[in-house]
Amino acid sequence: MTLIEQRISSLEQRVSRVEGQLSLFIKMFIAFNVPILVGMIGILLKNAYHNGYCRSEEGPDSGNMSG
């Protein structure tokens, strides 16, 4: 095996290790951030319904200017 082949083999091993670590990092990032994101969306929806932004009944902010 020549020196160039050895260096290429070494680089291939390093790249495969980095790819494995990157995959693990992405999985951990998703695992920690998806629950936070879902919780924030839930809080926003709860506040929107609580404050009346999503109600279908007519209220003072319904756009009815007749009276």
C-alpha atoms as a PDB file:
ATOM      1  CA  MET A   1       0.000   0.000   0.000  1.00  0.00           C
ATOM      2  CA  THR A   2       1.457   3.325  -0.991  1.00  0.00           C
ATOM      3  CA  LEU A   3       1.546   6.422   1.152  1.00  0.00           C
ATOM      4  CA  ILE A   4      -1.259   8.048  -0.841  1.00  0.00           C
ATOM      5  CA  GLU A   5      -3.517   5.003  -0.405  1.00  0.00           C
ATOM      6  CA  GLN A   6      -2.865   5.022   3.345  1.00  0.00           C
ATOM      7  CA  ARG A   7      -3.712   8.712   3.598  1.00  0.00           C
ATOM      8  CA  ILE A   8      -6.891   8.236   1.557  1.00  0.00           C
ATOM      9  CA  SER A   9      -7.912   5.336   3.789  1.00  0.00           C
ATOM     10  CA  SER A  10      -7.265   7.448   6.881  1.00  0.00           C
ATOM     11  CA  LEU A  11      -9.342  10.305   5.461  1.00  0.00           C
ATOM     12  CA  GLU A  12     -12.209   7.929   4.631  1.00  0.00           C
ATOM     13  CA  GLN A  13     -12.241   6.686   8.227  1.00  0.00           C
ATOM     14  CA  ARG A  14     -12.259  10.234   9.593  1.00  0.00           C
ATOM     15  CA  VAL A  15     -15.092  11.288   7.287  1.00  0.00           C
ATOM     16  CA  SER A  16     -17.204   8.282   8.287  1.00  0.00           C
ATOM     17  CA  ARG A  17     -16.707   9.100  11.985  1.00  0.00           C
ATOM     18  CA  VAL A  18     -17.677  12.741  11.422  1.00  0.00           C
ATOM     19  CA  GLU A  19     -20.789  11.673   9.486  1.00  0.00           C
ATOM     20  CA  GLY A  20     -21.831   9.418  12.360  1.00  0.00           C
ATOM     21  CA  GLN A  21     -21.319  12.163  14.925  1.00  0.00           C
ATOM     22  CA  LEU A  22     -23.231  14.657  12.778  1.00  0.00           C
ATOM     23  CA  SER A  23     -26.160  12.254  12.458  1.00  0.00           C
ATOM     24  CA  LEU A  24     -26.230  11.794  16.229  1.00  0.00           C
ATOM     25  CA  PHE A  25     -26.054  15.566  16.778  1.00  0.00           C
ATOM     26  CA  ILE A  26     -29.001  16.150  14.425  1.00  0.00           C
ATOM     27  CA  LYS A  27     -31.072  13.479  16.179  1.00  0.00           C
ATOM     28  CA  MET A  28     -30.319  14.992  19.591  1.00  0.00           C
ATOM     29  CA  PHE A  29     -31.140  18.488  18.325  1.00  0.00           C
ATOM     30  CA  ILE A  30     -34.528  17.297  17.044  1.00  0.00           C
ATOM     31  CA  ALA A  31     -35.215  15.284  20.197  1.00  0.00           C
ATOM     32  CA  PHE A  32     -34.680  18.305  22.449  1.00  0.00           C
ATOM     33  CA  ASN A  33     -36.253  21.024  20.317  1.00  0.00           C
ATOM     34  CA  VAL A  34     -39.420  19.402  18.936  1.00  0.00           C
ATOM     35  CA  PRO A  35     -41.098  19.111  22.376  1.00  0.00           C
ATOM     36  CA  ILE A  36     -40.231  22.741  23.128  1.00  0.00           C
ATOM     37  CA  LEU A  37     -41.655  23.847  19.784  1.00  0.00           C
ATOM     38  CA  VAL A  38     -44.857  21.832  20.285  1.00  0.00           C
ATOM     39  CA  GLY A  39     -45.261  23.309  23.765  1.00  0.00           C
ATOM     40  CA  MET A  40     -44.819  26.854  22.487  1.00  0.00           C
ATOM     41  CA  ILE A  41     -47.378  26.297  19.720  1.00  0.00           C
ATOM     42  CA  GLY A  42     -49.790  24.882  22.295  1.00  0.00           C
ATOM     43  CA  ILE A  43     -49.361  27.907  24.555  1.00  0.00           C
ATOM     44  CA  LEU A  44     -49.910  30.287  21.641  1.00  0.00           C
ATOM     45  CA  LEU A  45     -53.063  28.444  20.545  1.00  0.00           C
ATOM     46  CA  LYS A  46     -54.370  28.375  24.103  1.00  0.00           C
ATOM     47  CA  ASN A  47     -53.806  32.122  24.430  1.00  0.00           C
ATOM     48  CA  ALA A  48     -55.421  32.785  21.057  1.00  0.00           C
ATOM     49  CA  TYR A  49     -58.577  30.874  22.007  1.00  0.00           C
ATOM     50  CA  HIS A  50     -58.604  32.365  25.500  1.00  0.00           C
ATOM     51  CA  ASN A  51     -58.380  35.930  24.163  1.00  0.00           C
ATOM     52  CA  GLY A  52     -61.090  35.347  21.577  1.00  0.00           C
ATOM     53  CA  TYR A  53     -59.074  35.594  18.378  1.00  0.00           C
ATOM     54  CA  CYS A  54     -60.339  32.269  17.104  1.00  0.00           C
ATOM     55  CA  ARG A  55     -64.000  32.492  18.109  1.00  0.00           C
ATOM     56  CA  SER A  56     -66.628  32.448  15.395  1.00  0.00           C
ATOM     57  CA  GLU A  57     -69.245  34.353  17.425  1.00  0.00           C
ATOM     58  CA  GLU A  58     -69.622  38.046  16.777  1.00  0.00           C
ATOM     59  CA  GLY A  59     -67.985  40.368  19.228  1.00  0.00           C
ATOM     60  CA  PRO A  60     -66.673  43.919  19.361  1.00  0.00           C
ATOM     61  CA  ASP A  61     -63.783  43.049  17.041  1.00  0.00           C
ATOM     62  CA  SER A  62     -65.780  41.078  14.479  1.00  0.00           C
ATOM     63  CA  GLY A  63     -65.717  43.798  11.828  1.00  0.00           C
ATOM     64  CA  ASN A  64     -69.438  44.535  11.984  1.00  0.00           C
ATOM     65  CA  MET A  65     -69.725  48.334  11.784  1.00  0.00           C
ATOM     66  CA  SER A  66     -73.537  48.508  11.726  1.00  0.00           C
ATOM     67  CA  GLY A  67     -74.026  49.240  15.296  1.00  0.00           C
END
